[in-house]
Amino acid sequence: MTLIIFLKQQRWPAVPMVLWMVCLQQGHAGGLPLNNQQLESNLPVITITASTDAANTLLGNADSASQGSVTRQQLANRPLLRPAEVLETVPGLIVTQHSGDGKANQYFLRGFNLDHGTDLATFVDGVPVNMPSHAHGQGYTDLNFVIPELIDFIQYRKGPYRAADGDFASAGTVRLQQLWQLDQNFAELTFGTDNYKRLLAAGSAEYAGGELLGALDVSGYDGPWQVKQDSQKQNLQLRYSRGTFNDGWSLALSHYQADWDSTDQVAKRAIDSNLIDRYGSLNASDGGNSQRTALTFNWAAQHDKRSQLLDVYALAYDLNLFSDFSYFLNDPVRGDQFEQYDKRYVLGGRYEQTFDQSLFNHDMQNTLGFSTRNDFIRDDGLFLTQQRQRYQTISNDRVTESSAALYAENAIKWTPYLRSTLGLRGDIYHFDVNANLPDNSGTRTDHKFSPKLGLVFGPFQNTEYYVNYGYGFHSNDARGTTIHVNPDTRDDGYLQSVDAVSPLVRTKGGELGLRTELLPDLHSTIALWQLESDSELVFVGDAGNTEASRPSRRRGIELTNYYQPSAEWQLDVDAAFSQARFTDDDPAGKHIADSIATTASLGLAYTPNRPWTAGLRMRYFGPRALLEDNSVRSRASTLFNAEAGYRFTPRLSGKLEVLNVFDQRANDIEYYYESCLASERATSSCDANSASRDGVLDRHVHPTEPREIRASVRMLF
């Protein structure tokens, strides 16, 4: 009865709930999938153990220093504030938030403020998560639909060095693979401070010669905000599978929906003057709702000297997002709130074949692949609103964006100490925009060829050396490729001519690295890298989207270490240092605003064969330039999260998470731009009748959440 009441409070429909409970009651007779199953033919998923045996190392398997994998065991004792923080297992990647929890997170990696996902290609079960030509931002990556407990492994690659990786993959690519079956069914209840509550239940069972898996995840959270977040999320997953990832197939249906109120970043002067407190809001009606329904088919086959892979997907997605970043700068009467509306259907897939062959008695592997994606965007809108009520349309366009790619990759082992990888990828994009302003309608087609090269020397005394070079690209918003006149009534240049942007923007990068296991039980990598882009995508605060900007160059160094002295203890330490600069001359300066410069992380896990387990995480997020002349910089932050678990009986266990252990008063995000508070409308900077009205420059911050404590109890069935 308690379970049913909880579900009803979460506004969860009865039919999916019943379907899941039927699946759970079927019991389980299957086993856990093998951890060495793989998504990519030359990157095995490896559980690092205390042994440095060849079966447990990336030496001889990896083709760059900045690639790796994370297993379910390494995720098990990692405390998470948000689902997308599983991406912080990628060394140097930071996940934050500048709005409500239902919105896509903010990502930082390799000198990039990736906004909500631009230049970081993300896949779940082979399905791309990035949304091109999105109403809020190019490459929008919302991972709130992911259930962290169902992730089997994560694979990551940094840089544009792999032929299989295309759009948005310049900074890196992350692939999440979810479980096809469970070792044991379970139900888990979690309660925490600020009215956090969550129910997670999952089970799998043999059915008709395969495995049927169901999972239900519902949660609610008010957060520390003065305006309660009232976040309500519901997530359902159903999957039927046969075989394994490498030799089998899976058909999965998932549905996610969320509603939330949000406290967006606020002007720091409003906090300093006590107009609001640290967790206060300047527009209580901000927030949104989102839905994502996906049908996914995955198939793979292994033969003696050939392997095949097929991913096919169809999804329906929509988002209503209400934001207010500048308050009364544009409209001193009704305020600056706007709505971004995105409603689309997506069809796509990928097919890949890999052949094991030989060339003059040298082992050789050839890979051929094809991928396609079609986004049918029925509404791509921007509206001016007051208290979530529309009163003016800026744009409301219909967009069809189609792409196709062919790629090939050749890998040869020339000697025991020299391997090479040579790849070529060709992409073609077609944009068809039907804008509400006819002058901005039109079609564009563009293509890019992207060669890739990698060399591996070694291993010499348990050390390998890597050289990588490759071309990549990111696509621009389709609407920007056909635009001719400015549609924004808020701008002085309304209806004036504007220049269209290039549909596809070239990037190119290079990397020198090494991977070593000289010391027992210590796995270390070092990577020196550089990435150039023909056009930068930057976040525009008062519009809430990204715009094409100047050419840029980024370079840096990354160090990662994983130490496992015994089966009970694991330690990882990572540090990344980056420099991001525009490469052209401009009086504004050369720094790229809000680009990450320094990150570091430390993780400690204790997993004995006893009732107790524990995990501790530290994350350092360094200062960043907020203006192009580097005259204003953000503050650094250091946060600690901790987790402890205890198994009371073979079927009953508990867990305690403490997030932001030391209650640090830091900021998740900082921007520097103009805004006008309600109390400033009579000043010369904000008076509607003033000739000098241009707003007040200030920091705009979204604070980290204070110490949060969450307690869970899990029952196995």
Foldseek 3Di string as FASTA:
>chain_A
DVVVVVCVVLVHDDVLVVVQVVQAVQFADDAFADQQDDDDPQATRADAALFPPPRHDCVVRDQDLQKHKFFLVNVVFDDDPAPVCVVPVRFAKDWFDQKARQAQTFIFHQQDRCGQQALEWEEEQQHTQFDALALQAGGHHHPRQDDSNFWGMKIKDAAPFDQVDAASAHGIYMYTYGTQADRFWKWKWKAWPQGKIKIKTKHWYDDPQWIKIKIKIWIFGQFPAPLGFRKTKIKIKIKTWHDHLAAIKMKMKMKIKMWTWMAGFFFVVCCVVPVDHQRYHQARLWTKMKMKIKIKMWHKRDDPFKIKIKIWMKMWIKMWGWDAQFFPQLPLPQTQIKIWIWTKIKTKMKMKMKGFDDDPNWTKIKMKMKIKMKIFTQWGFMFGDHSPHGDGTLKTKTKIKIKMKIKMKMWTDPDQFKIKIKMKMKMKMKMAMDIPPNQQGDIDIDMDMKIKIKMWGDDDLQKIKIKIKMKHKHFHNSSLQRGFARSGPSDPRHRPGDHRDDGIKMKIKIKIKMWGDNDRQKTKMKMKMKMKIQWDWAADRSSSYTDTHAIKMKIWMKMKMWGHNRNFKIKIKIKIAMAIFGDDDDPQATGRAPGFGIKMKMKMWGDDPAFKIKIKMKIKGCKTQQTRNSPDIFHIDIFMKMKMKGAPDPFKIKMKIKTRVVFDWHFSDKHWDFHARSVCCPPLCNPPPHPNPDGDIGITTHIDGTIMMMMMMMGTD
